[in-house]
Structure formats: structure tokens, C-alpha cells
């Protein structure tokens, strides 16, 4: 058993140095020969274990118009706790977290006696800052992604490049001006503000007949595209750019 003990000790030391914990779901299988020697130790690592930083961020922002606290986990499960004071916007942020598999804790106390503009815009700013902080130097990410998501008659298209160069383009129009207390066009402005502060090149398009469906399809497509683009590509070392930086 000496070789087996040595192998395990080496593994323990490696994980301590690299600050990676190995719970049962990370070290999925360990195959050992019955002769007392280790024939193979097969570790199927969590997709992000080779990138040591925990891809999370906590961002707070206070102005005369809004007070916002946000905690984002990029590699989450889709859990969320959202309270912005706007029911439909809460619904959209919850859908965004769920479909992107981001964990999101978000509260906003905004000047809703004026309208919904400052609340929606400032939440997007903070969420963009959280993504920017959590992703760090973008090392190992896929970077590019696109998604096309339907909701009944509506369909939304999203193409994203996590480039560090903010750009925003939008095609389409929303069929009704408001959805509850939410101004439909604020969905476009939300995506634009997110792109500017997360460092995204973002192309969106939407078509449909019902604004609720159009906006919801847009948030879901955006979430799924961001999930795809921010995933770690196991084959890649460093940032996905010939320049060596994003």
C-alpha cells in the first residue's frame, strides 16, 4: 500500500497548493488495482478547476436614484433571489439566472415614483460590472456564442462576443409599449447597459406579436448565449485571442 499512500498524499498536496477542493462530484472516479498498487487514478475534474479563481462577484452601487446590491456566481445552478420593485423585471431577472445557470442575488431600491428607467438601467450596469469582475481576464473562456429562442409566436436572436470591447446592436420593435409596470423598450436598454459594463459585443434581434413573449424570449436567449460564451474550453490555455488579452 506504500505506492497507493504516496499517490494519495501527492494528490492531496497538489490540491492544497492549487486551492482546489475535490468533493465527490469533482473527483468522480478513482480506479485502483487490487494488488495494493495504484493502477490508475482517473479524475474527471470540474470544468473550471484548472482556472483557480472562483468566478463570483459582489457589487454594490448607490446613487441619488438607486441603491443596488448584487452577488453573481457565473458557475451556478440557476438559483436566484431578486427584488427590484418591478414585478415583471423580477420575473425577467429570475429567468435570466435560471436559463444561464447563474446564481443571482439582487436587490434594488429605486425611484419608482419617477418611472422604471433608473432601476432597470442601474441594475444592468451593476450586473455588467459583476460579470466583468467575475470573469477576470477571460482566461480559457469559449468567448463567442449565439442563441435563437422562441416563446410562442415570438423569437429572439442573440450573438455575443465576450471581447472586452463593448458594442451593441438591436433589430426589431416590441409590440406593446408596457408590460405591467415595465416599459418594453427598457429590455433593449437593459441589454445595451449590460453590454457596455460587461465588455460585450452584443447583437440582438426580436420579432413577435406580444411584448411579454418578445422580452422574455430576449432575456432567455441572452442568458443562454452568455452561459455558452463564458464556459471554460478545456482545450484552451490563456485568453481566446491572438493578442493574448481581452
C-alpha atoms as a PDB file:
ATOM      1  CA  UNK A   1       0.000   0.000   0.000  1.00  0.00           C
ATOM      2  CA  UNK A   2       3.018   2.296   0.088  1.00  0.00           C
ATOM      3  CA  UNK A   3       2.657   3.431  -3.537  1.00  0.00           C
ATOM      4  CA  UNK A   4      -1.066   3.983  -3.033  1.00  0.00           C
ATOM      5  CA  UNK A   5      -0.456   6.111   0.060  1.00  0.00           C
ATOM      6  CA  UNK A   6       2.203   8.134  -1.730  1.00  0.00           C
ATOM      7  CA  UNK A   7      -0.075   8.770  -4.690  1.00  0.00           C
ATOM      8  CA  UNK A   8      -2.883   9.975  -2.469  1.00  0.00           C
ATOM      9  CA  UNK A   9      -0.511  12.185  -0.499  1.00  0.00           C
ATOM     10  CA  UNK A  10       0.774  13.718  -3.752  1.00  0.00           C
ATOM     11  CA  UNK A  11      -2.803  14.327  -4.837  1.00  0.00           C
ATOM     12  CA  UNK A  12      -3.635  15.956  -1.517  1.00  0.00           C
ATOM     13  CA  UNK A  13      -0.628  18.236  -1.726  1.00  0.00           C
ATOM     14  CA  UNK A  14      -1.464  19.193  -5.296  1.00  0.00           C
ATOM     15  CA  UNK A  15      -4.969  20.154  -4.347  1.00  0.00           C
ATOM     16  CA  UNK A  16      -3.769  22.162  -1.368  1.00  0.00           C
ATOM     17  CA  UNK A  17      -1.285  24.095  -3.476  1.00  0.00           C
ATOM     18  CA  UNK A  18      -3.778  24.750  -6.256  1.00  0.00           C
ATOM     19  CA  UNK A  19      -6.534  25.568  -3.762  1.00  0.00           C
ATOM     20  CA  UNK A  20      -8.960  23.168  -5.424  1.00  0.00           C
ATOM     21  CA  UNK A  21     -11.292  21.137  -3.251  1.00  0.00           C
ATOM     22  CA  UNK A  22     -12.225  17.713  -4.538  1.00  0.00           C
ATOM     23  CA  UNK A  23     -15.690  16.690  -3.341  1.00  0.00           C
ATOM     24  CA  UNK A  24     -17.317  13.537  -4.626  1.00  0.00           C
ATOM     25  CA  UNK A  25     -18.860  15.269  -7.597  1.00  0.00           C
ATOM     26  CA  UNK A  26     -15.459  16.594  -8.719  1.00  0.00           C
ATOM     27  CA  UNK A  27     -13.320  13.516  -8.292  1.00  0.00           C
ATOM     28  CA  UNK A  28     -15.886  11.295  -9.933  1.00  0.00           C
ATOM     29  CA  UNK A  29     -13.979   8.029 -10.202  1.00  0.00           C
ATOM     30  CA  UNK A  30     -10.787   6.552  -8.770  1.00  0.00           C
ATOM     31  CA  UNK A  31      -9.829   3.194 -10.301  1.00  0.00           C
ATOM     32  CA  UNK A  32      -7.384   1.141  -8.246  1.00  0.00           C
ATOM     33  CA  UNK A  33      -5.897  -2.300  -8.806  1.00  0.00           C
ATOM     34  CA  UNK A  34      -6.491  -4.885  -6.099  1.00  0.00           C
ATOM     35  CA  UNK A  35      -2.795  -5.776  -5.893  1.00  0.00           C
ATOM     36  CA  UNK A  36      -2.139  -2.975  -3.407  1.00  0.00           C
ATOM     37  CA  UNK A  37      -0.560  -0.720  -6.028  1.00  0.00           C
ATOM     38  CA  UNK A  38      -2.415   2.065  -7.779  1.00  0.00           C
ATOM     39  CA  UNK A  39      -3.025   1.040 -11.359  1.00  0.00           C
ATOM     40  CA  UNK A  40      -4.861   4.249 -12.296  1.00  0.00           C
ATOM     41  CA  UNK A  41      -6.397   7.234 -10.644  1.00  0.00           C
ATOM     42  CA  UNK A  42      -8.835   8.786 -13.084  1.00  0.00           C
ATOM     43  CA  UNK A  43     -10.006  12.194 -12.024  1.00  0.00           C
ATOM     44  CA  UNK A  44     -12.747  13.858 -14.036  1.00  0.00           C
ATOM     45  CA  UNK A  45     -12.284  17.408 -12.867  1.00  0.00           C
ATOM     46  CA  UNK A  46     -14.955  20.036 -12.599  1.00  0.00           C
ATOM     47  CA  UNK A  47     -14.800  22.052 -15.884  1.00  0.00           C
ATOM     48  CA  UNK A  48     -13.399  25.079 -14.121  1.00  0.00           C
ATOM     49  CA  UNK A  49     -10.919  23.507 -11.721  1.00  0.00           C
ATOM     50  CA  UNK A  50      -7.938  24.401 -13.877  1.00  0.00           C
ATOM     51  CA  UNK A  51      -8.868  28.074 -13.564  1.00  0.00           C
ATOM     52  CA  UNK A  52      -8.305  28.560  -9.875  1.00  0.00           C
ATOM     53  CA  UNK A  53     -10.287  31.707  -9.251  1.00  0.00           C
ATOM     54  CA  UNK A  54     -13.853  31.393  -8.069  1.00  0.00           C
ATOM     55  CA  UNK A  55     -15.895  33.121 -10.753  1.00  0.00           C
ATOM     56  CA  UNK A  56     -18.065  35.178  -8.442  1.00  0.00           C
ATOM     57  CA  UNK A  57     -18.520  38.876  -7.807  1.00  0.00           C
ATOM     58  CA  UNK A  58     -20.294  41.094  -5.320  1.00  0.00           C
ATOM     59  CA  UNK A  59     -21.070  44.616  -6.484  1.00  0.00           C
ATOM     60  CA  UNK A  60     -22.920  47.423  -4.704  1.00  0.00           C
ATOM     61  CA  UNK A  61     -23.830  50.788  -6.183  1.00  0.00           C
ATOM     62  CA  UNK A  62     -25.603  53.743  -4.628  1.00  0.00           C
ATOM     63  CA  UNK A  63     -26.732  56.917  -6.350  1.00  0.00           C
ATOM     64  CA  UNK A  64     -29.430  59.501  -5.729  1.00  0.00           C
ATOM     65  CA  UNK A  65     -31.707  57.332  -7.893  1.00  0.00           C
ATOM     66  CA  UNK A  66     -30.999  53.724  -6.880  1.00  0.00           C
ATOM     67  CA  UNK A  67     -29.336  51.584  -4.236  1.00  0.00           C
ATOM     68  CA  UNK A  68     -28.317  48.169  -5.571  1.00  0.00           C
ATOM     69  CA  UNK A  69     -26.649  45.098  -4.099  1.00  0.00           C
ATOM     70  CA  UNK A  70     -25.740  42.202  -6.378  1.00  0.00           C
ATOM     71  CA  UNK A  71     -23.964  38.882  -5.936  1.00  0.00           C
ATOM     72  CA  UNK A  72     -23.290  36.813  -9.050  1.00  0.00           C
ATOM     73  CA  UNK A  73     -21.946  33.277  -9.398  1.00  0.00           C
ATOM     74  CA  UNK A  74     -21.131  32.548 -13.037  1.00  0.00           C
ATOM     75  CA  UNK A  75     -20.798  28.796 -12.491  1.00  0.00           C
ATOM     76  CA  UNK A  76     -24.017  28.395 -10.583  1.00  0.00           C
ATOM     77  CA  UNK A  77     -27.187  26.335 -10.660  1.00  0.00           C
ATOM     78  CA  UNK A  78     -29.717  28.993 -11.690  1.00  0.00           C
ATOM     79  CA  UNK A  79     -30.748  29.881  -8.153  1.00  0.00           C
ATOM     80  CA  UNK A  80     -31.908  33.446  -7.635  1.00  0.00           C
ATOM     81  CA  UNK A  81     -33.340  35.878  -5.138  1.00  0.00           C
ATOM     82  CA  UNK A  82     -34.411  39.071  -6.899  1.00  0.00           C
ATOM     83  CA  UNK A  83     -36.279  42.134  -5.674  1.00  0.00           C
ATOM     84  CA  UNK A  84     -36.238  45.263  -7.839  1.00  0.00           C
ATOM     85  CA  UNK A  85     -39.706  46.573  -7.038  1.00  0.00           C
ATOM     86  CA  UNK A  86     -40.905  45.851 -10.584  1.00  0.00           C
ATOM     87  CA  UNK A  87     -42.741  42.549 -10.816  1.00  0.00           C
ATOM     88  CA  UNK A  88     -42.123  41.817 -14.486  1.00  0.00           C
ATOM     89  CA  UNK A  89     -38.471  42.831 -14.236  1.00  0.00           C
ATOM     90  CA  UNK A  90     -38.041  40.473 -11.261  1.00  0.00           C
ATOM     91  CA  UNK A  91     -39.547  37.755 -13.456  1.00  0.00           C
ATOM     92  CA  UNK A  92     -37.050  38.513 -16.244  1.00  0.00           C
ATOM     93  CA  UNK A  93     -34.016  38.590 -13.944  1.00  0.00           C
ATOM     94  CA  UNK A  94     -35.114  35.297 -12.414  1.00  0.00           C
ATOM     95  CA  UNK A  95     -35.494  33.771 -15.896  1.00  0.00           C
ATOM     96  CA  UNK A  96     -32.071  35.143 -16.837  1.00  0.00           C
ATOM     97  CA  UNK A  97     -30.460  33.412 -13.862  1.00  0.00           C
ATOM     98  CA  UNK A  98     -32.358  30.186 -14.396  1.00  0.00           C
ATOM     99  CA  UNK A  99     -31.605  29.802 -18.109  1.00  0.00           C
ATOM    100  CA  UNK A 100     -27.999  30.949 -17.817  1.00  0.00           C
ATOM    101  CA  UNK A 101     -27.380  28.756 -14.764  1.00  0.00           C
ATOM    102  CA  UNK A 102     -26.093  31.806 -12.932  1.00  0.00           C
ATOM    103  CA  UNK A 103     -26.705  32.198  -9.205  1.00  0.00           C
ATOM    104  CA  UNK A 104     -28.008  35.715  -8.642  1.00  0.00           C
ATOM    105  CA  UNK A 105     -28.846  37.662  -5.512  1.00  0.00           C
ATOM    106  CA  UNK A 106     -30.126  41.102  -6.451  1.00  0.00           C
ATOM    107  CA  UNK A 107     -31.929  43.897  -4.624  1.00  0.00           C
ATOM    108  CA  UNK A 108     -32.685  47.365  -5.894  1.00  0.00           C
ATOM    109  CA  UNK A 109     -34.347  50.270  -4.107  1.00  0.00           C
ATOM    110  CA  UNK A 110     -35.067  52.702  -6.908  1.00  0.00           C
ATOM    111  CA  UNK A 111     -37.025  55.868  -7.586  1.00  0.00           C
ATOM    112  CA  UNK A 112     -40.031  54.046  -8.993  1.00  0.00           C
ATOM    113  CA  UNK A 113     -42.208  57.062  -8.211  1.00  0.00           C
ATOM    114  CA  UNK A 114     -40.500  58.592 -11.253  1.00  0.00           C
ATOM    115  CA  UNK A 115     -40.598  55.567 -13.586  1.00  0.00           C
ATOM    116  CA  UNK A 116     -38.755  52.292 -14.181  1.00  0.00           C
ATOM    117  CA  UNK A 117     -35.860  53.708 -16.202  1.00  0.00           C
ATOM    118  CA  UNK A 118     -33.268  54.256 -13.476  1.00  0.00           C
ATOM    119  CA  UNK A 119     -33.998  50.945 -11.793  1.00  0.00           C
ATOM    120  CA  UNK A 120     -33.665  48.844 -14.945  1.00  0.00           C
ATOM    121  CA  UNK A 121     -30.655  50.727 -16.282  1.00  0.00           C
ATOM    122  CA  UNK A 122     -28.748  50.708 -12.995  1.00  0.00           C
ATOM    123  CA  UNK A 123     -29.423  47.016 -12.388  1.00  0.00           C
ATOM    124  CA  UNK A 124     -27.948  46.319 -15.826  1.00  0.00           C
ATOM    125  CA  UNK A 125     -24.906  48.453 -15.008  1.00  0.00           C
ATOM    126  CA  UNK A 126     -24.284  46.569 -11.754  1.00  0.00           C
ATOM    127  CA  UNK A 127     -24.892  43.163 -13.333  1.00  0.00           C
ATOM    128  CA  UNK A 128     -22.492  44.044 -16.144  1.00  0.00           C
ATOM    129  CA  UNK A 129     -19.863  45.099 -13.623  1.00  0.00           C
ATOM    130  CA  UNK A 130     -20.393  41.834 -11.764  1.00  0.00           C
ATOM    131  CA  UNK A 131     -19.836  39.770 -14.919  1.00  0.00           C
ATOM    132  CA  UNK A 132     -16.746  41.806 -15.763  1.00  0.00           C
ATOM    133  CA  UNK A 133     -15.290  41.263 -12.299  1.00  0.00           C
ATOM    134  CA  UNK A 134     -16.212  37.578 -12.088  1.00  0.00           C
ATOM    135  CA  UNK A 135     -14.737  36.729 -15.493  1.00  0.00           C
ATOM    136  CA  UNK A 136     -11.445  38.476 -14.744  1.00  0.00           C
ATOM    137  CA  UNK A 137      -9.031  38.234 -17.675  1.00  0.00           C
ATOM    138  CA  UNK A 138     -11.430  35.874 -19.530  1.00  0.00           C
ATOM    139  CA  UNK A 139      -8.781  33.162 -19.452  1.00  0.00           C
ATOM    140  CA  UNK A 140      -9.969  29.901 -21.024  1.00  0.00           C
ATOM    141  CA  UNK A 141     -13.472  31.001 -21.971  1.00  0.00           C
ATOM    142  CA  UNK A 142     -15.233  29.998 -25.190  1.00  0.00           C
ATOM    143  CA  UNK A 143     -15.793  33.724 -25.882  1.00  0.00           C
ATOM    144  CA  UNK A 144     -18.294  33.549 -28.785  1.00  0.00           C
ATOM    145  CA  UNK A 145     -21.854  32.237 -28.744  1.00  0.00           C
ATOM    146  CA  UNK A 146     -25.250  32.653 -30.344  1.00  0.00           C
ATOM    147  CA  UNK A 147     -28.730  31.541 -29.376  1.00  0.00           C
ATOM    148  CA  UNK A 148     -32.157  31.661 -31.008  1.00  0.00           C
ATOM    149  CA  UNK A 149     -35.012  31.215 -28.545  1.00  0.00           C
ATOM    150  CA  UNK A 150     -38.757  31.109 -29.267  1.00  0.00           C
ATOM    151  CA  UNK A 151     -41.668  31.802 -26.965  1.00  0.00           C
ATOM    152  CA  UNK A 152     -44.939  31.007 -28.702  1.00  0.00           C
ATOM    153  CA  UNK A 153     -45.134  33.410 -31.672  1.00  0.00           C
ATOM    154  CA  UNK A 154     -42.092  35.450 -30.598  1.00  0.00           C
ATOM    155  CA  UNK A 155     -38.468  34.665 -31.353  1.00  0.00           C
ATOM    156  CA  UNK A 156     -35.273  36.325 -30.147  1.00  0.00           C
ATOM    157  CA  UNK A 157     -31.752  36.066 -31.544  1.00  0.00           C
ATOM    158  CA  UNK A 158     -28.599  36.852 -29.579  1.00  0.00           C
ATOM    159  CA  UNK A 159     -24.990  36.817 -30.796  1.00  0.00           C
ATOM    160  CA  UNK A 160     -22.325  37.661 -28.220  1.00  0.00           C
ATOM    161  CA  UNK A 161     -18.574  38.128 -28.127  1.00  0.00           C
ATOM    162  CA  UNK A 162     -17.103  38.454 -24.633  1.00  0.00           C
ATOM    163  CA  UNK A 163     -14.477  40.656 -26.213  1.00  0.00           C
ATOM    164  CA  UNK A 164     -13.804  43.401 -23.692  1.00  0.00           C
ATOM    165  CA  UNK A 165     -14.883  45.829 -26.428  1.00  0.00           C
ATOM    166  CA  UNK A 166     -18.433  46.997 -25.713  1.00  0.00           C
ATOM    167  CA  UNK A 167     -20.681  47.300 -28.752  1.00  0.00           C
ATOM    168  CA  UNK A 168     -24.451  46.975 -29.040  1.00  0.00           C
ATOM    169  CA  UNK A 169     -26.803  46.453 -31.994  1.00  0.00           C
ATOM    170  CA  UNK A 170     -30.546  45.825 -31.930  1.00  0.00           C
ATOM    171  CA  UNK A 171     -33.125  44.999 -34.586  1.00  0.00           C
ATOM    172  CA  UNK A 172     -36.870  44.833 -34.059  1.00  0.00           C
ATOM    173  CA  UNK A 173     -39.576  46.502 -32.039  1.00  0.00           C
ATOM    174  CA  UNK A 174     -41.777  45.479 -29.152  1.00  0.00           C
ATOM    175  CA  UNK A 175     -45.446  45.036 -29.950  1.00  0.00           C
ATOM    176  CA  UNK A 176     -46.829  46.805 -26.853  1.00  0.00           C
ATOM    177  CA  UNK A 177     -45.335  49.777 -25.023  1.00  0.00           C
ATOM    178  CA  UNK A 178     -45.636  48.388 -21.496  1.00  0.00           C
ATOM    179  CA  UNK A 179     -45.833  45.068 -19.661  1.00  0.00           C
ATOM    180  CA  UNK A 180     -47.320  45.743 -16.268  1.00  0.00           C
ATOM    181  CA  UNK A 181     -45.098  48.446 -14.740  1.00  0.00           C
ATOM    182  CA  UNK A 182     -42.228  47.628 -17.092  1.00  0.00           C
ATOM    183  CA  UNK A 183     -41.573  49.746 -20.177  1.00  0.00           C
ATOM    184  CA  UNK A 184     -40.957  47.297 -23.018  1.00  0.00           C
ATOM    185  CA  UNK A 185     -38.140  49.264 -24.615  1.00  0.00           C
ATOM    186  CA  UNK A 186     -36.221  49.073 -21.339  1.00  0.00           C
ATOM    187  CA  UNK A 187     -35.420  45.470 -22.318  1.00  0.00           C
ATOM    188  CA  UNK A 188     -33.326  46.854 -25.155  1.00  0.00           C
ATOM    189  CA  UNK A 189     -31.750  49.426 -22.860  1.00  0.00           C
ATOM    190  CA  UNK A 190     -31.050  46.768 -20.228  1.00  0.00           C
ATOM    191  CA  UNK A 191     -29.138  44.685 -22.751  1.00  0.00           C
ATOM    192  CA  UNK A 192     -27.224  47.719 -24.003  1.00  0.00           C
ATOM    193  CA  UNK A 193     -26.203  48.801 -20.486  1.00  0.00           C
ATOM    194  CA  UNK A 194     -25.191  45.237 -19.642  1.00  0.00           C
ATOM    195  CA  UNK A 195     -23.012  45.057 -22.758  1.00  0.00           C
ATOM    196  CA  UNK A 196     -21.326  48.385 -22.031  1.00  0.00           C
ATOM    197  CA  UNK A 197     -20.333  47.401 -18.494  1.00  0.00           C
ATOM    198  CA  UNK A 198     -19.578  43.698 -19.018  1.00  0.00           C
ATOM    199  CA  UNK A 199     -17.410  44.411 -22.056  1.00  0.00           C
ATOM    200  CA  UNK A 200     -19.601  42.547 -24.556  1.00  0.00           C
ATOM    201  CA  UNK A 201     -20.128  42.922 -28.274  1.00  0.00           C
ATOM    202  CA  UNK A 202     -23.825  42.130 -28.423  1.00  0.00           C
ATOM    203  CA  UNK A 203     -26.194  41.755 -31.377  1.00  0.00           C
ATOM    204  CA  UNK A 204     -29.903  41.264 -30.624  1.00  0.00           C
ATOM    205  CA  UNK A 205     -32.995  40.831 -32.748  1.00  0.00           C
ATOM    206  CA  UNK A 206     -36.599  40.202 -31.765  1.00  0.00           C
ATOM    207  CA  UNK A 207     -39.850  39.530 -33.614  1.00  0.00           C
ATOM    208  CA  UNK A 208     -43.344  38.667 -32.455  1.00  0.00           C
ATOM    209  CA  UNK A 209     -46.806  39.934 -31.619  1.00  0.00           C
ATOM    210  CA  UNK A 210     -46.841  40.022 -27.825  1.00  0.00           C
ATOM    211  CA  UNK A 211     -44.371  42.185 -25.906  1.00  0.00           C
ATOM    212  CA  UNK A 212     -44.335  39.858 -22.897  1.00  0.00           C
ATOM    213  CA  UNK A 213     -43.263  36.970 -25.109  1.00  0.00           C
ATOM    214  CA  UNK A 214     -40.753  39.089 -27.026  1.00  0.00           C
ATOM    215  CA  UNK A 215     -38.993  40.413 -23.943  1.00  0.00           C
ATOM    216  CA  UNK A 216     -38.997  37.054 -22.192  1.00  0.00           C
ATOM    217  CA  UNK A 217     -37.539  35.297 -25.230  1.00  0.00           C
ATOM    218  CA  UNK A 218     -34.867  38.004 -25.359  1.00  0.00           C
ATOM    219  CA  UNK A 219     -33.820  37.581 -21.722  1.00  0.00           C
ATOM    220  CA  UNK A 220     -33.707  33.797 -22.071  1.00  0.00           C
ATOM    221  CA  UNK A 221     -31.684  33.927 -25.292  1.00  0.00           C
ATOM    222  CA  UNK A 222     -29.276  36.416 -23.718  1.00  0.00           C
ATOM    223  CA  UNK A 223     -28.823  34.182 -20.682  1.00  0.00           C
ATOM    224  CA  UNK A 224     -28.161  31.060 -22.704  1.00  0.00           C
ATOM    225  CA  UNK A 225     -25.741  32.816 -25.051  1.00  0.00           C
ATOM    226  CA  UNK A 226     -23.801  34.237 -22.100  1.00  0.00           C
ATOM    227  CA  UNK A 227     -23.719  30.825 -20.450  1.00  0.00           C
ATOM    228  CA  UNK A 228     -22.269  29.330 -23.628  1.00  0.00           C
ATOM    229  CA  UNK A 229     -19.744  32.130 -24.192  1.00  0.00           C
ATOM    230  CA  UNK A 230     -18.432  32.193 -20.610  1.00  0.00           C
ATOM    231  CA  UNK A 231     -17.885  28.465 -20.306  1.00  0.00           C
ATOM    232  CA  UNK A 232     -14.359  27.163 -19.952  1.00  0.00           C
ATOM    233  CA  UNK A 233     -12.915  25.487 -23.042  1.00  0.00           C
ATOM    234  CA  UNK A 234     -10.800  22.629 -21.654  1.00  0.00           C
ATOM    235  CA  UNK A 235      -8.519  22.697 -24.710  1.00  0.00           C
ATOM    236  CA  UNK A 236      -7.526  26.304 -24.282  1.00  0.00           C
ATOM    237  CA  UNK A 237      -4.808  27.870 -22.169  1.00  0.00           C
ATOM    238  CA  UNK A 238      -4.892  31.611 -21.663  1.00  0.00           C
ATOM    239  CA  UNK A 239      -7.247  34.111 -23.222  1.00  0.00           C
ATOM    240  CA  UNK A 240      -9.038  33.293 -26.508  1.00  0.00           C
ATOM    241  CA  UNK A 241      -7.290  35.958 -28.554  1.00  0.00           C
ATOM    242  CA  UNK A 242      -4.204  36.042 -30.757  1.00  0.00           C
ATOM    243  CA  UNK A 243      -3.328  39.296 -28.979  1.00  0.00           C
ATOM    244  CA  UNK A 244      -3.049  37.376 -25.721  1.00  0.00           C
ATOM    245  CA  UNK A 245      -5.510  39.626 -23.904  1.00  0.00           C
ATOM    246  CA  UNK A 246      -9.143  40.670 -23.967  1.00  0.00           C
END
